[in-house]
Amino acid sequence: MSRKSSARKGKDKAPLSREALEIVAARFRAMGDATRLELIQHLMEGEKSVQELCSLTEMSQANISKHLSLLSDQGILNRRKQGLFVYYSVADMTIYQLCDLVCGSLSERFARVQQHFG
């Protein structure tokens, strides 16, 4: 599908209500933090415990848990408790597509800028 046809497709939809837009904005806010993006990136490799994520990121358990809780509340991550350990995994598989779209777009943008600087 071309960009023009996908742009037109969005115009065919009815506008979202203010309440719906607030829900969408909350999802983007959850994704709008480098620490949370780093955690999601690690979890894209597979389920991990909070302790594993602390080791991978060199951040405190309290900090990691705060971010994981927010992502879980937004439905982005699954949370599973097993004994004393809590494990997280990606719940919303559209996150993979969203990350690919954003990273691809940024790559194209910076490639165009780089052309101007040789």
N, C-alpha and C. Protein backbone atom coordinates (compact mmCIF):
# COMPACT_ATOMS: atom_id res chain seq x y z
N MET A 1 0.85 -1.18 0.00
CA MET A 1 0.00 0.00 0.00
C MET A 1 0.89 1.23 0.00
N SER A 2 0.60 2.17 -0.86
CA SER A 2 1.40 3.39 -0.95
C SER A 2 1.05 4.33 0.20
N ARG A 3 1.93 5.30 0.40
CA ARG A 3 1.67 6.28 1.47
C ARG A 3 0.39 7.05 1.22
N LYS A 4 0.16 7.40 -0.07
CA LYS A 4 -1.05 8.18 -0.39
C LYS A 4 -2.30 7.37 -0.08
N SER A 5 -2.30 6.08 -0.44
CA SER A 5 -3.51 5.28 -0.18
C SER A 5 -3.69 5.06 1.31
N SER A 6 -2.57 4.89 2.07
CA SER A 6 -2.73 4.71 3.51
C SER A 6 -3.16 6.02 4.16
N ALA A 7 -2.71 7.16 3.63
CA ALA A 7 -3.15 8.45 4.17
C ALA A 7 -4.63 8.65 3.91
N ARG A 8 -5.08 8.29 2.72
CA ARG A 8 -6.51 8.42 2.41
C ARG A 8 -7.34 7.49 3.29
N LYS A 9 -6.81 6.33 3.56
CA LYS A 9 -7.54 5.36 4.39
C LYS A 9 -7.89 5.96 5.75
N GLY A 10 -6.93 6.69 6.35
CA GLY A 10 -7.17 7.32 7.64
C GLY A 10 -8.25 8.38 7.58
N LYS A 11 -8.40 9.04 6.43
CA LYS A 11 -9.40 10.08 6.29
C LYS A 11 -10.81 9.50 6.21
N ASP A 12 -10.94 8.23 5.85
CA ASP A 12 -12.25 7.60 5.75
C ASP A 12 -12.83 7.28 7.13
N LYS A 13 -12.00 7.25 8.16
CA LYS A 13 -12.46 6.91 9.50
C LYS A 13 -13.07 8.13 10.18
N ALA A 14 -14.04 7.87 11.03
CA ALA A 14 -14.63 8.95 11.82
C ALA A 14 -13.61 9.42 12.85
N PRO A 15 -13.62 10.71 13.16
CA PRO A 15 -12.69 11.22 14.18
C PRO A 15 -12.96 10.55 15.53
N LEU A 16 -11.89 10.38 16.30
CA LEU A 16 -12.03 9.79 17.63
C LEU A 16 -12.60 10.81 18.61
N SER A 17 -13.31 10.32 19.60
CA SER A 17 -13.83 11.19 20.66
C SER A 17 -12.67 11.68 21.52
N ARG A 18 -12.91 12.71 22.30
CA ARG A 18 -11.88 13.24 23.20
C ARG A 18 -11.41 12.15 24.18
N GLU A 19 -12.35 11.35 24.67
CA GLU A 19 -12.02 10.27 25.61
C GLU A 19 -11.11 9.24 24.95
N ALA A 20 -11.42 8.89 23.71
CA ALA A 20 -10.59 7.94 22.98
C ALA A 20 -9.19 8.51 22.74
N LEU A 21 -9.12 9.79 22.41
CA LEU A 21 -7.83 10.44 22.19
C LEU A 21 -7.00 10.46 23.47
N GLU A 22 -7.63 10.62 24.62
CA GLU A 22 -6.91 10.57 25.90
C GLU A 22 -6.30 9.19 26.13
N ILE A 23 -7.02 8.15 25.74
CA ILE A 23 -6.50 6.78 25.87
C ILE A 23 -5.30 6.59 24.95
N VAL A 24 -5.40 7.06 23.73
CA VAL A 24 -4.29 6.98 22.77
C VAL A 24 -3.10 7.77 23.30
N ALA A 25 -3.33 8.95 23.82
CA ALA A 25 -2.25 9.80 24.35
C ALA A 25 -1.55 9.11 25.52
N ALA A 26 -2.30 8.43 26.36
CA ALA A 26 -1.70 7.70 27.49
C ALA A 26 -0.78 6.59 26.99
N ARG A 27 -1.18 5.93 25.92
CA ARG A 27 -0.33 4.88 25.34
C ARG A 27 0.97 5.48 24.81
N PHE A 28 0.86 6.62 24.10
CA PHE A 28 2.07 7.27 23.58
C PHE A 28 2.94 7.79 24.72
N ARG A 29 2.34 8.30 25.79
CA ARG A 29 3.14 8.76 26.94
C ARG A 29 3.92 7.59 27.54
N ALA A 30 3.27 6.43 27.64
CA ALA A 30 3.94 5.25 28.19
C ALA A 30 5.15 4.86 27.33
N MET A 31 5.03 5.06 26.04
CA MET A 31 6.11 4.71 25.12
C MET A 31 7.12 5.84 24.98
N GLY A 32 6.83 7.01 25.54
CA GLY A 32 7.66 8.19 25.33
C GLY A 32 8.76 8.38 26.36
N ASP A 33 9.37 7.30 26.79
CA ASP A 33 10.43 7.38 27.78
C ASP A 33 11.54 6.41 27.37
N ALA A 34 12.78 6.87 27.31
CA ALA A 34 13.88 6.04 26.85
C ALA A 34 14.09 4.80 27.73
N THR A 35 13.90 4.94 29.03
CA THR A 35 14.05 3.79 29.92
C THR A 35 13.01 2.72 29.60
N ARG A 36 11.77 3.13 29.40
CA ARG A 36 10.72 2.16 29.09
C ARG A 36 10.96 1.52 27.72
N LEU A 37 11.45 2.31 26.77
CA LEU A 37 11.77 1.75 25.45
C LEU A 37 12.91 0.74 25.56
N GLU A 38 13.87 1.01 26.41
CA GLU A 38 14.97 0.06 26.62
C GLU A 38 14.44 -1.24 27.21
N LEU A 39 13.53 -1.14 28.18
CA LEU A 39 12.94 -2.34 28.78
C LEU A 39 12.16 -3.14 27.74
N ILE A 40 11.37 -2.46 26.94
CA ILE A 40 10.61 -3.13 25.88
C ILE A 40 11.57 -3.81 24.90
N GLN A 41 12.64 -3.13 24.56
CA GLN A 41 13.63 -3.70 23.64
C GLN A 41 14.17 -5.02 24.18
N HIS A 42 14.50 -5.05 25.47
CA HIS A 42 14.99 -6.30 26.07
C HIS A 42 13.91 -7.37 26.09
N LEU A 43 12.67 -6.96 26.33
CA LEU A 43 11.58 -7.93 26.41
C LEU A 43 11.17 -8.44 25.03
N MET A 44 11.53 -7.73 23.98
CA MET A 44 11.26 -8.22 22.63
C MET A 44 12.07 -9.49 22.34
N GLU A 45 13.14 -9.70 23.11
CA GLU A 45 13.95 -10.91 22.98
C GLU A 45 13.31 -12.09 23.70
N GLY A 46 12.34 -11.82 24.58
CA GLY A 46 11.66 -12.87 25.32
C GLY A 46 11.41 -12.46 26.76
N GLU A 47 10.61 -13.26 27.45
CA GLU A 47 10.23 -13.00 28.83
C GLU A 47 11.48 -12.89 29.72
N LYS A 48 11.43 -11.93 30.66
CA LYS A 48 12.54 -11.73 31.58
C LYS A 48 12.00 -11.37 32.96
N SER A 49 12.77 -11.73 33.97
CA SER A 49 12.42 -11.35 35.34
C SER A 49 12.89 -9.92 35.59
N VAL A 50 12.35 -9.34 36.64
CA VAL A 50 12.76 -7.99 37.04
C VAL A 50 14.27 -7.99 37.31
N GLN A 51 14.76 -9.04 37.97
CA GLN A 51 16.18 -9.13 38.30
C GLN A 51 17.04 -9.19 37.03
N GLU A 52 16.59 -9.93 36.02
CA GLU A 52 17.33 -9.99 34.75
C GLU A 52 17.38 -8.61 34.10
N LEU A 53 16.25 -7.90 34.13
CA LEU A 53 16.20 -6.57 33.54
C LEU A 53 17.09 -5.59 34.30
N CYS A 54 17.16 -5.73 35.62
CA CYS A 54 18.07 -4.89 36.42
C CYS A 54 19.51 -5.13 36.00
N SER A 55 19.86 -6.38 35.80
CA SER A 55 21.21 -6.73 35.39
C SER A 55 21.53 -6.19 34.00
N LEU A 56 20.59 -6.31 33.09
CA LEU A 56 20.80 -5.85 31.71
C LEU A 56 20.91 -4.34 31.60
N THR A 57 20.16 -3.63 32.42
CA THR A 57 20.09 -2.17 32.32
C THR A 57 20.95 -1.43 33.34
N GLU A 58 21.40 -2.16 34.37
CA GLU A 58 22.16 -1.58 35.48
C GLU A 58 21.37 -0.49 36.20
N MET A 59 20.05 -0.68 36.26
CA MET A 59 19.18 0.23 37.00
C MET A 59 18.66 -0.47 38.25
N SER A 60 18.15 0.33 39.19
CA SER A 60 17.66 -0.24 40.44
C SER A 60 16.34 -0.99 40.23
N GLN A 61 16.09 -1.92 41.12
CA GLN A 61 14.85 -2.69 41.04
C GLN A 61 13.63 -1.78 41.21
N ALA A 62 13.72 -0.80 42.09
CA ALA A 62 12.59 0.12 42.30
C ALA A 62 12.28 0.90 41.02
N ASN A 63 13.32 1.38 40.35
CA ASN A 63 13.14 2.14 39.12
C ASN A 63 12.55 1.25 38.02
N ILE A 64 13.12 0.09 37.84
CA ILE A 64 12.64 -0.85 36.82
C ILE A 64 11.18 -1.21 37.09
N SER A 65 10.88 -1.56 38.33
CA SER A 65 9.52 -1.97 38.69
C SER A 65 8.49 -0.88 38.40
N LYS A 66 8.87 0.36 38.68
CA LYS A 66 7.97 1.50 38.41
C LYS A 66 7.64 1.57 36.92
N HIS A 67 8.65 1.48 36.09
CA HIS A 67 8.44 1.56 34.64
C HIS A 67 7.67 0.34 34.11
N LEU A 68 8.01 -0.84 34.60
CA LEU A 68 7.31 -2.05 34.16
C LEU A 68 5.84 -2.02 34.55
N SER A 69 5.57 -1.49 35.71
CA SER A 69 4.18 -1.38 36.19
C SER A 69 3.36 -0.48 35.27
N LEU A 70 3.93 0.65 34.89
CA LEU A 70 3.23 1.57 33.99
C LEU A 70 2.96 0.91 32.64
N LEU A 71 3.96 0.22 32.09
CA LEU A 71 3.80 -0.46 30.80
C LEU A 71 2.77 -1.58 30.89
N SER A 72 2.75 -2.25 32.02
CA SER A 72 1.77 -3.32 32.23
C SER A 72 0.36 -2.74 32.36
N ASP A 73 0.23 -1.63 33.09
CA ASP A 73 -1.07 -0.97 33.25
C ASP A 73 -1.64 -0.52 31.90
N GLN A 74 -0.77 -0.17 30.97
CA GLN A 74 -1.20 0.27 29.63
C GLN A 74 -1.47 -0.91 28.69
N GLY A 75 -1.28 -2.13 29.19
CA GLY A 75 -1.54 -3.31 28.36
C GLY A 75 -0.43 -3.63 27.37
N ILE A 76 0.72 -2.98 27.53
CA ILE A 76 1.84 -3.20 26.63
C ILE A 76 2.61 -4.46 27.04
N LEU A 77 2.68 -4.69 28.36
CA LEU A 77 3.39 -5.86 28.88
C LEU A 77 2.48 -6.78 29.67
N ASN A 78 2.81 -8.06 29.68
CA ASN A 78 2.20 -9.05 30.56
C ASN A 78 3.06 -9.17 31.81
N ARG A 79 2.41 -9.44 32.93
CA ARG A 79 3.11 -9.63 34.20
C ARG A 79 2.73 -11.01 34.73
N ARG A 80 3.75 -11.80 35.14
CA ARG A 80 3.50 -13.14 35.66
C ARG A 80 4.37 -13.33 36.90
N LYS A 81 3.70 -13.73 37.99
CA LYS A 81 4.44 -13.96 39.22
C LYS A 81 4.65 -15.46 39.40
N GLN A 82 5.88 -15.82 39.73
CA GLN A 82 6.21 -17.22 40.00
C GLN A 82 7.08 -17.26 41.25
N GLY A 83 6.49 -17.68 42.35
CA GLY A 83 7.20 -17.67 43.62
C GLY A 83 7.55 -16.24 44.01
N LEU A 84 8.82 -16.01 44.25
CA LEU A 84 9.27 -14.68 44.65
C LEU A 84 9.62 -13.79 43.46
N PHE A 85 9.57 -14.34 42.26
CA PHE A 85 10.00 -13.61 41.08
C PHE A 85 8.81 -13.15 40.23
N VAL A 86 8.99 -11.99 39.60
CA VAL A 86 7.98 -11.46 38.69
C VAL A 86 8.62 -11.41 37.30
N TYR A 87 7.89 -11.95 36.32
CA TYR A 87 8.37 -12.01 34.95
C TYR A 87 7.49 -11.14 34.06
N TYR A 88 8.13 -10.49 33.11
CA TYR A 88 7.41 -9.64 32.17
C TYR A 88 7.68 -10.11 30.75
N SER A 89 6.68 -9.89 29.90
CA SER A 89 6.80 -10.20 28.47
C SER A 89 5.93 -9.20 27.70
N VAL A 90 6.16 -9.13 26.40
CA VAL A 90 5.38 -8.22 25.55
C VAL A 90 3.96 -8.80 25.41
N ALA A 91 2.96 -7.99 25.72
CA ALA A 91 1.56 -8.40 25.60
C ALA A 91 0.96 -7.93 24.29
N ASP A 92 1.31 -6.73 23.88
CA ASP A 92 0.73 -6.12 22.69
C ASP A 92 1.72 -6.25 21.54
N MET A 93 1.48 -7.21 20.67
CA MET A 93 2.41 -7.50 19.58
C MET A 93 2.50 -6.36 18.55
N THR A 94 1.56 -5.43 18.59
CA THR A 94 1.65 -4.30 17.65
C THR A 94 2.82 -3.38 18.00
N ILE A 95 3.38 -3.54 19.20
CA ILE A 95 4.55 -2.75 19.60
C ILE A 95 5.71 -3.01 18.64
N TYR A 96 5.85 -4.26 18.16
CA TYR A 96 6.92 -4.58 17.20
C TYR A 96 6.76 -3.74 15.93
N GLN A 97 5.53 -3.67 15.42
CA GLN A 97 5.27 -2.90 14.20
C GLN A 97 5.49 -1.41 14.44
N LEU A 98 5.01 -0.92 15.57
CA LEU A 98 5.17 0.49 15.89
C LEU A 98 6.65 0.87 15.97
N CYS A 99 7.44 0.05 16.64
CA CYS A 99 8.88 0.32 16.74
C CYS A 99 9.54 0.28 15.37
N ASP A 100 9.16 -0.69 14.54
CA ASP A 100 9.72 -0.77 13.18
C ASP A 100 9.37 0.48 12.37
N LEU A 101 8.11 0.93 12.47
CA LEU A 101 7.69 2.12 11.73
C LEU A 101 8.46 3.36 12.17
N VAL A 102 8.55 3.57 13.47
CA VAL A 102 9.21 4.76 13.98
C VAL A 102 10.71 4.72 13.67
N CYS A 103 11.35 3.58 13.91
CA CYS A 103 12.79 3.49 13.64
C CYS A 103 13.08 3.62 12.15
N GLY A 104 12.24 3.03 11.31
CA GLY A 104 12.42 3.15 9.86
C GLY A 104 12.26 4.59 9.40
N SER A 105 11.28 5.27 9.93
CA SER A 105 11.04 6.67 9.58
C SER A 105 12.22 7.54 10.01
N LEU A 106 12.73 7.32 11.21
CA LEU A 106 13.88 8.09 11.69
C LEU A 106 15.12 7.80 10.86
N SER A 107 15.31 6.57 10.50
CA SER A 107 16.46 6.19 9.67
C SER A 107 16.41 6.91 8.33
N GLU A 108 15.23 6.94 7.71
CA GLU A 108 15.07 7.65 6.43
C GLU A 108 15.33 9.14 6.60
N ARG A 109 14.81 9.70 7.66
CA ARG A 109 14.97 11.14 7.91
C ARG A 109 16.43 11.50 8.08
N PHE A 110 17.15 10.73 8.89
CA PHE A 110 18.55 11.05 9.13
C PHE A 110 19.41 10.75 7.91
N ALA A 111 19.02 9.80 7.10
CA ALA A 111 19.75 9.53 5.85
C ALA A 111 19.63 10.72 4.91
N ARG A 112 18.43 11.33 4.85
CA ARG A 112 18.25 12.52 4.01
C ARG A 112 19.08 13.69 4.52
N VAL A 113 19.11 13.86 5.83
CA VAL A 113 19.89 14.95 6.42
C VAL A 113 21.37 14.71 6.17
N GLN A 114 21.82 13.49 6.31
CA GLN A 114 23.22 13.15 6.12
C GLN A 114 23.68 13.45 4.69
N GLN A 115 22.79 13.29 3.72
CA GLN A 115 23.12 13.58 2.32
C GLN A 115 23.55 15.04 2.15
N HIS A 116 22.94 15.92 2.91
CA HIS A 116 23.25 17.35 2.81
C HIS A 116 24.61 17.70 3.41
N PHE A 117 25.13 16.82 4.27
CA PHE A 117 26.40 17.10 4.93
C PHE A 117 27.53 16.21 4.44
N GLY A 118 27.28 15.51 3.33
CA GLY A 118 28.32 14.75 2.66
C GLY A 118 28.58 13.44 3.29
